[in-house]
Amino acid sequence: MAQHVLRYWEGRFPQLKPVTRAGNRRYYRPEDLALIRRIDQLLNRQGYTVRGVQQLLESESRGKNDPAAMLRAIRDSLAEGLAWDDRAER
């Protein structure tokens, strides 16, 4: 992933917070890398807009303590995966 894209995403997605060390070096933890992969998937493969991904991530973070919201997020994620799989088979 290009550095300028990661810096842009850091400004657009408050959930993406790499650890900053001396000299402004950034270290991405495993959860940061998982979020980067997810953002990339949503933007570049599933056709979401930046605002759409922001809204999706915000709604997921609000629903973390709500079991019904968590189940809906899992269901939606599975549906997206199945749809992507169907498109890949064609």
PDB file of N, CA and C in Angstrom:
ATOM      1  N   MET A   1       0.848  -1.169   0.000  1.00  0.00           N
ATOM      2  CA  MET A   1       0.000   0.000   0.000  1.00  0.00           C
ATOM      3  C   MET A   1       0.895   1.234   0.000  1.00  0.00           C
ATOM      4  N   ALA A   2       0.569   2.199  -0.824  1.00  0.00           N
ATOM      5  CA  ALA A   2       1.364   3.421  -0.927  1.00  0.00           C
ATOM      6  C   ALA A   2       1.227   4.275   0.338  1.00  0.00           C
ATOM      7  N   GLN A   3       2.323   4.914   0.720  1.00  0.00           N
ATOM      8  CA  GLN A   3       2.328   5.718   1.947  1.00  0.00           C
ATOM      9  C   GLN A   3       1.305   6.844   1.892  1.00  0.00           C
ATOM     10  N   HIS A   4       1.196   7.501   0.737  1.00  0.00           N
ATOM     11  CA  HIS A   4       0.274   8.635   0.663  1.00  0.00           C
ATOM     12  C   HIS A   4      -1.178   8.184   0.826  1.00  0.00           C
ATOM     13  N   VAL A   5      -1.492   6.967   0.402  1.00  0.00           N
ATOM     14  CA  VAL A   5      -2.850   6.439   0.581  1.00  0.00           C
ATOM     15  C   VAL A   5      -3.104   6.168   2.055  1.00  0.00           C
ATOM     16  N   LEU A   6      -2.124   5.573   2.736  1.00  0.00           N
ATOM     17  CA  LEU A   6      -2.278   5.306   4.169  1.00  0.00           C
ATOM     18  C   LEU A   6      -2.446   6.599   4.955  1.00  0.00           C
ATOM     19  N   ARG A   7      -1.686   7.636   4.616  1.00  0.00           N
ATOM     20  CA  ARG A   7      -1.808   8.927   5.315  1.00  0.00           C
ATOM     21  C   ARG A   7      -3.193   9.527   5.072  1.00  0.00           C
ATOM     22  N   TYR A   8      -3.682   9.424   3.846  1.00  0.00           N
ATOM     23  CA  TYR A   8      -5.018   9.928   3.517  1.00  0.00           C
ATOM     24  C   TYR A   8      -6.072   9.185   4.333  1.00  0.00           C
ATOM     25  N   TRP A   9      -5.962   7.871   4.374  1.00  0.00           N
ATOM     26  CA  TRP A   9      -6.927   7.072   5.129  1.00  0.00           C
ATOM     27  C   TRP A   9      -6.856   7.386   6.620  1.00  0.00           C
ATOM     28  N   GLU A  10      -5.665   7.641   7.147  1.00  0.00           N
ATOM     29  CA  GLU A  10      -5.540   8.001   8.558  1.00  0.00           C
ATOM     30  C   GLU A  10      -6.325   9.275   8.866  1.00  0.00           C
ATOM     31  N   GLY A  11      -6.360  10.191   7.902  1.00  0.00           N
ATOM     32  CA  GLY A  11      -7.113  11.430   8.084  1.00  0.00           C
ATOM     33  C   GLY A  11      -8.610  11.241   7.932  1.00  0.00           C
ATOM     34  N   ARG A  12      -9.012  10.278   7.144  1.00  0.00           N
ATOM     35  CA  ARG A  12     -10.436  10.052   6.863  1.00  0.00           C
ATOM     36  C   ARG A  12     -11.102   9.057   7.800  1.00  0.00           C
ATOM     37  N   PHE A  13     -10.333   8.132   8.344  1.00  0.00           N
ATOM     38  CA  PHE A  13     -10.897   7.078   9.187  1.00  0.00           C
ATOM     39  C   PHE A  13     -10.282   7.174  10.581  1.00  0.00           C
ATOM     40  N   PRO A  14     -11.020   7.738  11.542  1.00  0.00           N
ATOM     41  CA  PRO A  14     -10.453   7.901  12.890  1.00  0.00           C
ATOM     42  C   PRO A  14     -10.155   6.568  13.582  1.00  0.00           C
ATOM     43  N   GLN A  15     -10.723   5.478  13.083  1.00  0.00           N
ATOM     44  CA  GLN A  15     -10.460   4.163  13.675  1.00  0.00           C
ATOM     45  C   GLN A  15      -9.031   3.708  13.387  1.00  0.00           C
ATOM     46  N   LEU A  16      -8.417   4.253  12.348  1.00  0.00           N
ATOM     47  CA  LEU A  16      -7.064   3.866  11.943  1.00  0.00           C
ATOM     48  C   LEU A  16      -6.058   4.751  12.676  1.00  0.00           C
ATOM     49  N   LYS A  17      -5.440   4.196  13.717  1.00  0.00           N
ATOM     50  CA  LYS A  17      -4.522   4.968  14.550  1.00  0.00           C
ATOM     51  C   LYS A  17      -3.228   4.190  14.749  1.00  0.00           C
ATOM     52  N   PRO A  18      -2.277   4.294  13.825  1.00  0.00           N
ATOM     53  CA  PRO A  18      -1.013   3.588  14.040  1.00  0.00           C
ATOM     54  C   PRO A  18      -0.227   4.237  15.187  1.00  0.00           C
ATOM     55  N   VAL A  19       0.622   3.449  15.805  1.00  0.00           N
ATOM     56  CA  VAL A  19       1.486   3.962  16.863  1.00  0.00           C
ATOM     57  C   VAL A  19       2.564   4.806  16.192  1.00  0.00           C
ATOM     58  N   THR A  20       2.765   6.015  16.718  1.00  0.00           N
ATOM     59  CA  THR A  20       3.793   6.902  16.161  1.00  0.00           C
ATOM     60  C   THR A  20       4.982   6.927  17.109  1.00  0.00           C
ATOM     61  N   ARG A  21       6.150   6.688  16.549  1.00  0.00           N
ATOM     62  CA  ARG A  21       7.380   6.672  17.338  1.00  0.00           C
ATOM     63  C   ARG A  21       8.226   7.891  16.979  1.00  0.00           C
ATOM     64  N   ALA A  22       9.427   7.931  17.508  1.00  0.00           N
ATOM     65  CA  ALA A  22      10.339   9.037  17.255  1.00  0.00           C
ATOM     66  C   ALA A  22      10.533   9.243  15.755  1.00  0.00           C
ATOM     67  N   GLY A  23      10.614  10.477  15.359  1.00  0.00           N
ATOM     68  CA  GLY A  23      10.801  10.785  13.948  1.00  0.00           C
ATOM     69  C   GLY A  23       9.544  10.582  13.127  1.00  0.00           C
ATOM     70  N   ASN A  24       8.396  10.535  13.781  1.00  0.00           N
ATOM     71  CA  ASN A  24       7.103  10.347  13.110  1.00  0.00           C
ATOM     72  C   ASN A  24       7.000   9.031  12.352  1.00  0.00           C
ATOM     73  N   ARG A  25       7.763   8.032  12.777  1.00  0.00           N
ATOM     74  CA  ARG A  25       7.643   6.710  12.152  1.00  0.00           C
ATOM     75  C   ARG A  25       6.375   6.046  12.656  1.00  0.00           C
ATOM     76  N   ARG A  26       5.647   5.454  11.751  1.00  0.00           N
ATOM     77  CA  ARG A  26       4.390   4.807  12.105  1.00  0.00           C
ATOM     78  C   ARG A  26       4.574   3.297  12.162  1.00  0.00           C
ATOM     79  N   TYR A  27       3.984   2.707  13.178  1.00  0.00           N
ATOM     80  CA  TYR A  27       3.981   1.260  13.319  1.00  0.00           C
ATOM     81  C   TYR A  27       2.533   0.796  13.333  1.00  0.00           C
ATOM     82  N   TYR A  28       2.218  -0.084  12.419  1.00  0.00           N
ATOM     83  CA  TYR A  28       0.853  -0.582  12.294  1.00  0.00           C
ATOM     84  C   TYR A  28       0.721  -1.900  13.039  1.00  0.00           C
ATOM     85  N   ARG A  29      -0.185  -1.933  13.998  1.00  0.00           N
ATOM     86  CA  ARG A  29      -0.466  -3.142  14.764  1.00  0.00           C
ATOM     87  C   ARG A  29      -1.316  -4.087  13.911  1.00  0.00           C
ATOM     88  N   PRO A  30      -1.436  -5.350  14.321  1.00  0.00           N
ATOM     89  CA  PRO A  30      -2.242  -6.295  13.542  1.00  0.00           C
ATOM     90  C   PRO A  30      -3.679  -5.823  13.317  1.00  0.00           C
ATOM     91  N   GLU A  31      -4.290  -5.182  14.333  1.00  0.00           N
ATOM     92  CA  GLU A  31      -5.656  -4.697  14.140  1.00  0.00           C
ATOM     93  C   GLU A  31      -5.717  -3.533  13.147  1.00  0.00           C
ATOM     94  N   ASP A  32      -4.632  -2.734  13.080  1.00  0.00           N
ATOM     95  CA  ASP A  32      -4.562  -1.676  12.073  1.00  0.00           C
ATOM     96  C   ASP A  32      -4.476  -2.281  10.672  1.00  0.00           C
ATOM     97  N   LEU A  33      -3.666  -3.325  10.537  1.00  0.00           N
ATOM     98  CA  LEU A  33      -3.511  -3.978   9.236  1.00  0.00           C
ATOM     99  C   LEU A  33      -4.819  -4.620   8.783  1.00  0.00           C
ATOM    100  N   ALA A  34      -5.546  -5.210   9.719  1.00  0.00           N
ATOM    101  CA  ALA A  34      -6.843  -5.802   9.375  1.00  0.00           C
ATOM    102  C   ALA A  34      -7.808  -4.715   8.901  1.00  0.00           C
ATOM    103  N   LEU A  35      -7.798  -3.562   9.560  1.00  0.00           N
ATOM    104  CA  LEU A  35      -8.666  -2.454   9.152  1.00  0.00           C
ATOM    105  C   LEU A  35      -8.255  -1.917   7.787  1.00  0.00           C
ATOM    106  N   ILE A  36      -6.958  -1.820   7.539  1.00  0.00           N
ATOM    107  CA  ILE A  36      -6.475  -1.360   6.235  1.00  0.00           C
ATOM    108  C   ILE A  36      -6.944  -2.303   5.131  1.00  0.00           C
ATOM    109  N   ARG A  37      -6.826  -3.597   5.369  1.00  0.00           N
ATOM    110  CA  ARG A  37      -7.289  -4.577   4.371  1.00  0.00           C
ATOM    111  C   ARG A  37      -8.792  -4.453   4.142  1.00  0.00           C
ATOM    112  N   ARG A  38      -9.522  -4.237   5.215  1.00  0.00           N
ATOM    113  CA  ARG A  38     -10.984  -4.106   5.094  1.00  0.00           C
ATOM    114  C   ARG A  38     -11.367  -2.852   4.318  1.00  0.00           C
ATOM    115  N   ILE A  39     -10.726  -1.729   4.629  1.00  0.00           N
ATOM    116  CA  ILE A  39     -10.999  -0.484   3.909  1.00  0.00           C
ATOM    117  C   ILE A  39     -10.670  -0.660   2.435  1.00  0.00           C
ATOM    118  N   ASP A  40      -9.528  -1.268   2.149  1.00  0.00           N
ATOM    119  CA  ASP A  40      -9.131  -1.514   0.760  1.00  0.00           C
ATOM    120  C   ASP A  40     -10.162  -2.376   0.050  1.00  0.00           C
ATOM    121  N   GLN A  41     -10.611  -3.429   0.711  1.00  0.00           N
ATOM    122  CA  GLN A  41     -11.627  -4.325   0.135  1.00  0.00           C
ATOM    123  C   GLN A  41     -12.903  -3.554  -0.193  1.00  0.00           C
ATOM    124  N   LEU A  42     -13.371  -2.766   0.761  1.00  0.00           N
ATOM    125  CA  LEU A  42     -14.619  -2.034   0.568  1.00  0.00           C
ATOM    126  C   LEU A  42     -14.502  -0.978  -0.522  1.00  0.00           C
ATOM    127  N   LEU A  43     -13.395  -0.241  -0.536  1.00  0.00           N
ATOM    128  CA  LEU A  43     -13.230   0.839  -1.511  1.00  0.00           C
ATOM    129  C   LEU A  43     -12.905   0.330  -2.910  1.00  0.00           C
ATOM    130  N   ASN A  44     -11.931  -0.546  -2.996  1.00  0.00           N
ATOM    131  CA  ASN A  44     -11.382  -0.905  -4.300  1.00  0.00           C
ATOM    132  C   ASN A  44     -11.975  -2.155  -4.929  1.00  0.00           C
ATOM    133  N   ARG A  45     -12.639  -2.969  -4.146  1.00  0.00           N
ATOM    134  CA  ARG A  45     -13.206  -4.190  -4.720  1.00  0.00           C
ATOM    135  C   ARG A  45     -14.723  -4.213  -4.684  1.00  0.00           C
ATOM    136  N   GLN A  46     -15.312  -3.598  -3.635  1.00  0.00           N
ATOM    137  CA  GLN A  46     -16.762  -3.630  -3.518  1.00  0.00           C
ATOM    138  C   GLN A  46     -17.420  -2.331  -3.970  1.00  0.00           C
ATOM    139  N   GLY A  47     -16.627  -1.322  -4.294  1.00  0.00           N
ATOM    140  CA  GLY A  47     -17.171  -0.103  -4.880  1.00  0.00           C
ATOM    141  C   GLY A  47     -17.771   0.901  -3.909  1.00  0.00           C
ATOM    142  N   TYR A  48     -17.479   0.777  -2.623  1.00  0.00           N
ATOM    143  CA  TYR A  48     -17.954   1.766  -1.666  1.00  0.00           C
ATOM    144  C   TYR A  48     -17.243   3.093  -1.904  1.00  0.00           C
ATOM    145  N   THR A  49     -17.899   4.189  -1.519  1.00  0.00           N
ATOM    146  CA  THR A  49     -17.237   5.498  -1.504  1.00  0.00           C
ATOM    147  C   THR A  49     -16.558   5.656  -0.151  1.00  0.00           C
ATOM    148  N   VAL A  50     -15.689   6.655  -0.025  1.00  0.00           N
ATOM    149  CA  VAL A  50     -15.034   6.910   1.249  1.00  0.00           C
ATOM    150  C   VAL A  50     -16.098   7.195   2.308  1.00  0.00           C
ATOM    151  N   ARG A  51     -17.078   8.017   1.963  1.00  0.00           N
ATOM    152  CA  ARG A  51     -18.147   8.337   2.919  1.00  0.00           C
ATOM    153  C   ARG A  51     -18.944   7.080   3.287  1.00  0.00           C
ATOM    154  N   GLY A  52     -19.179   6.216   2.334  1.00  0.00           N
ATOM    155  CA  GLY A  52     -19.892   4.979   2.618  1.00  0.00           C
ATOM    156  C   GLY A  52     -19.143   4.093   3.595  1.00  0.00           C
ATOM    157  N   VAL A  53     -17.836   3.992   3.426  1.00  0.00           N
ATOM    158  CA  VAL A  53     -17.019   3.193   4.344  1.00  0.00           C
ATOM    159  C   VAL A  53     -17.006   3.852   5.723  1.00  0.00           C
ATOM    160  N   GLN A  54     -16.910   5.187   5.758  1.00  0.00           N
ATOM    161  CA  GLN A  54     -16.949   5.893   7.037  1.00  0.00           C
ATOM    162  C   GLN A  54     -18.242   5.581   7.784  1.00  0.00           C
ATOM    163  N   GLN A  55     -19.359   5.653   7.080  1.00  0.00           N
ATOM    164  CA  GLN A  55     -20.649   5.387   7.708  1.00  0.00           C
ATOM    165  C   GLN A  55     -20.741   3.940   8.185  1.00  0.00           C
ATOM    166  N   LEU A  56     -20.250   3.019   7.388  1.00  0.00           N
ATOM    167  CA  LEU A  56     -20.281   1.610   7.760  1.00  0.00           C
ATOM    168  C   LEU A  56     -19.458   1.363   9.028  1.00  0.00           C
ATOM    169  N   LEU A  57     -18.252   1.909   9.073  1.00  0.00           N
ATOM    170  CA  LEU A  57     -17.392   1.716  10.233  1.00  0.00           C
ATOM    171  C   LEU A  57     -17.972   2.393  11.471  1.00  0.00           C
ATOM    172  N   GLU A  58     -18.559   3.577  11.291  1.00  0.00           N
ATOM    173  CA  GLU A  58     -19.185   4.269  12.421  1.00  0.00           C
ATOM    174  C   GLU A  58     -20.361   3.466  12.970  1.00  0.00           C
ATOM    175  N   SER A  59     -21.192   2.948  12.081  1.00  0.00           N
ATOM    176  CA  SER A  59     -22.355   2.187  12.546  1.00  0.00           C
ATOM    177  C   SER A  59     -21.920   0.897  13.243  1.00  0.00           C
ATOM    178  N   GLU A  60     -20.854   0.288  12.758  1.00  0.00           N
ATOM    179  CA  GLU A  60     -20.348  -0.925  13.404  1.00  0.00           C
ATOM    180  C   GLU A  60     -19.787  -0.617  14.786  1.00  0.00           C
ATOM    181  N   SER A  61     -19.091   0.507  14.918  1.00  0.00           N
ATOM    182  CA  SER A  61     -18.507   0.833  16.222  1.00  0.00           C
ATOM    183  C   SER A  61     -19.599   1.196  17.232  1.00  0.00           C
ATOM    184  N   ARG A  62     -20.688   1.800  16.771  1.00  0.00           N
ATOM    185  CA  ARG A  62     -21.805   2.115  17.675  1.00  0.00           C
ATOM    186  C   ARG A  62     -22.500   0.848  18.129  1.00  0.00           C
ATOM    187  N   GLY A  63     -22.533  -0.161  17.284  1.00  0.00           N
ATOM    188  CA  GLY A  63     -23.266  -1.376  17.600  1.00  0.00           C
ATOM    189  C   GLY A  63     -22.450  -2.450  18.281  1.00  0.00           C
ATOM    190  N   LYS A  64     -21.225  -2.142  18.688  1.00  0.00           N
ATOM    191  CA  LYS A  64     -20.374  -3.162  19.303  1.00  0.00           C
ATOM    192  C   LYS A  64     -20.980  -3.754  20.571  1.00  0.00           C
ATOM    193  N   ASN A  65     -21.720  -2.958  21.324  1.00  0.00           N
ATOM    194  CA  ASN A  65     -22.295  -3.456  22.572  1.00  0.00           C
ATOM    195  C   ASN A  65     -23.711  -3.969  22.390  1.00  0.00           C
ATOM    196  N   ASP A  66     -24.225  -3.889  21.179  1.00  0.00           N
ATOM    197  CA  ASP A  66     -25.587  -4.324  20.898  1.00  0.00           C
ATOM    198  C   ASP A  66     -25.524  -5.665  20.159  1.00  0.00           C
ATOM    199  N   PRO A  67     -25.923  -6.753  20.805  1.00  0.00           N
ATOM    200  CA  PRO A  67     -25.834  -8.073  20.168  1.00  0.00           C
ATOM    201  C   PRO A  67     -26.600  -8.159  18.850  1.00  0.00           C
ATOM    202  N   ALA A  68     -27.756  -7.530  18.770  1.00  0.00           N
ATOM    203  CA  ALA A  68     -28.533  -7.574  17.528  1.00  0.00           C
ATOM    204  C   ALA A  68     -27.782  -6.866  16.409  1.00  0.00           C
ATOM    205  N   ALA A  69     -27.147  -5.744  16.728  1.00  0.00           N
ATOM    206  CA  ALA A  69     -26.374  -5.017  15.718  1.00  0.00           C
ATOM    207  C   ALA A  69     -25.165  -5.838  15.276  1.00  0.00           C
ATOM    208  N   MET A  70     -24.567  -6.541  16.223  1.00  0.00           N
ATOM    209  CA  MET A  70     -23.426  -7.384  15.872  1.00  0.00           C
ATOM    210  C   MET A  70     -23.858  -8.498  14.925  1.00  0.00           C
ATOM    211  N   LEU A  71     -24.992  -9.103  15.205  1.00  0.00           N
ATOM    212  CA  LEU A  71     -25.491 -10.167  14.330  1.00  0.00           C
ATOM    213  C   LEU A  71     -25.835  -9.632  12.946  1.00  0.00           C
ATOM    214  N   ARG A  72     -26.423  -8.434  12.896  1.00  0.00           N
ATOM    215  CA  ARG A  72     -26.723  -7.822  11.586  1.00  0.00           C
ATOM    216  C   ARG A  72     -25.441  -7.559  10.816  1.00  0.00           C
ATOM    217  N   ALA A  73     -24.405  -7.070  11.498  1.00  0.00           N
ATOM    218  CA  ALA A  73     -23.129  -6.802  10.834  1.00  0.00           C
ATOM    219  C   ALA A  73     -22.511  -8.098  10.307  1.00  0.00           C
ATOM    220  N   ILE A  74     -22.593  -9.169  11.082  1.00  0.00           N
ATOM    221  CA  ILE A  74     -22.079 -10.457  10.636  1.00  0.00           C
ATOM    222  C   ILE A  74     -22.875 -10.949   9.431  1.00  0.00           C
ATOM    223  N   ARG A  75     -24.210 -10.853   9.522  1.00  0.00           N
ATOM    224  CA  ARG A  75     -25.068 -11.277   8.409  1.00  0.00           C
ATOM    225  C   ARG A  75     -24.732 -10.491   7.133  1.00  0.00           C
ATOM    226  N   ASP A  76     -24.579  -9.163   7.270  1.00  0.00           N
ATOM    227  CA  ASP A  76     -24.271  -8.332   6.116  1.00  0.00           C
ATOM    228  C   ASP A  76     -22.902  -8.680   5.533  1.00  0.00           C
ATOM    229  N   SER A  77     -21.952  -8.935   6.413  1.00  0.00           N
ATOM    230  CA  SER A  77     -20.618  -9.305   5.956  1.00  0.00           C
ATOM    231  C   SER A  77     -20.633 -10.632   5.200  1.00  0.00           C
ATOM    232  N   LEU A  78     -21.374 -11.588   5.726  1.00  0.00           N
ATOM    233  CA  LEU A  78     -21.499 -12.878   5.039  1.00  0.00           C
ATOM    234  C   LEU A  78     -22.202 -12.731   3.695  1.00  0.00           C
ATOM    235  N   ALA A  79     -23.239 -11.899   3.658  1.00  0.00           N
ATOM    236  CA  ALA A  79     -23.957 -11.672   2.401  1.00  0.00           C
ATOM    237  C   ALA A  79     -23.037 -11.033   1.371  1.00  0.00           C
ATOM    238  N   GLU A  80     -22.223 -10.072   1.800  1.00  0.00           N
ATOM    239  CA  GLU A  80     -21.271  -9.441   0.885  1.00  0.00           C
ATOM    240  C   GLU A  80     -20.259 -10.457   0.372  1.00  0.00           C
ATOM    241  N   GLY A  81     -19.783 -11.317   1.270  1.00  0.00           N
ATOM    242  CA  GLY A  81     -18.818 -12.346   0.873  1.00  0.00           C
ATOM    243  C   GLY A  81     -19.407 -13.325  -0.120  1.00  0.00           C
ATOM    244  N   LEU A  82     -20.646 -13.734   0.103  1.00  0.00           N
ATOM    245  CA  LEU A  82     -21.306 -14.645  -0.832  1.00  0.00           C
ATOM    246  C   LEU A  82     -21.535 -13.988  -2.181  1.00  0.00           C
ATOM    247  N   ALA A  83     -21.934 -12.733  -2.166  1.00  0.00           N
ATOM    248  CA  ALA A  83     -22.142 -12.006  -3.424  1.00  0.00           C
ATOM    249  C   ALA A  83     -20.819 -11.879  -4.185  1.00  0.00           C
ATOM    250  N   TRP A  84     -19.753 -11.577  -3.444  1.00  0.00           N
ATOM    251  CA  TRP A  84     -18.449 -11.461  -4.086  1.00  0.00           C
ATOM    252  C   TRP A  84     -18.030 -12.804  -4.668  1.00  0.00           C
ATOM    253  N   ASP A  85     -18.273 -13.889  -3.929  1.00  0.00           N
ATOM    254  CA  ASP A  85     -17.926 -15.234  -4.381  1.00  0.00           C
ATOM    255  C   ASP A  85     -18.703 -15.592  -5.641  1.00  0.00           C
ATOM    256  N   ASP A  86     -19.994 -15.236  -5.682  1.00  0.00           N
ATOM    257  CA  ASP A  86     -20.815 -15.504  -6.867  1.00  0.00           C
ATOM    258  C   ASP A  86     -20.281 -14.766  -8.085  1.00  0.00           C
ATOM    259  N   ARG A  87     -19.852 -13.523  -7.884  1.00  0.00           N
ATOM    260  CA  ARG A  87     -19.303 -12.737  -9.006  1.00  0.00           C
ATOM    261  C   ARG A  87     -17.970 -13.320  -9.472  1.00  0.00           C
ATOM    262  N   ALA A  88     -17.181 -13.836  -8.535  1.00  0.00           N
ATOM    263  CA  ALA A  88     -15.870 -14.393  -8.886  1.00  0.00           C
ATOM    264  C   ALA A  88     -16.005 -15.679  -9.687  1.00  0.00           C
ATOM    265  N   GLU A  89     -17.094 -16.436  -9.460  1.00  0.00           N
ATOM    266  CA  GLU A  89     -17.284 -17.696 -10.176  1.00  0.00           C
ATOM    267  C   GLU A  89     -17.719 -17.485 -11.623  1.00  0.00           C
ATOM    268  N   ARG A  90     -18.255 -16.335 -11.901  1.00  0.00           N
ATOM    269  CA  ARG A  90     -18.752 -16.076 -13.272  1.00  0.00           C
ATOM    270  C   ARG A  90     -17.665 -15.764 -14.225  1.00  0.00           C
TER     271      ARG A  90
END
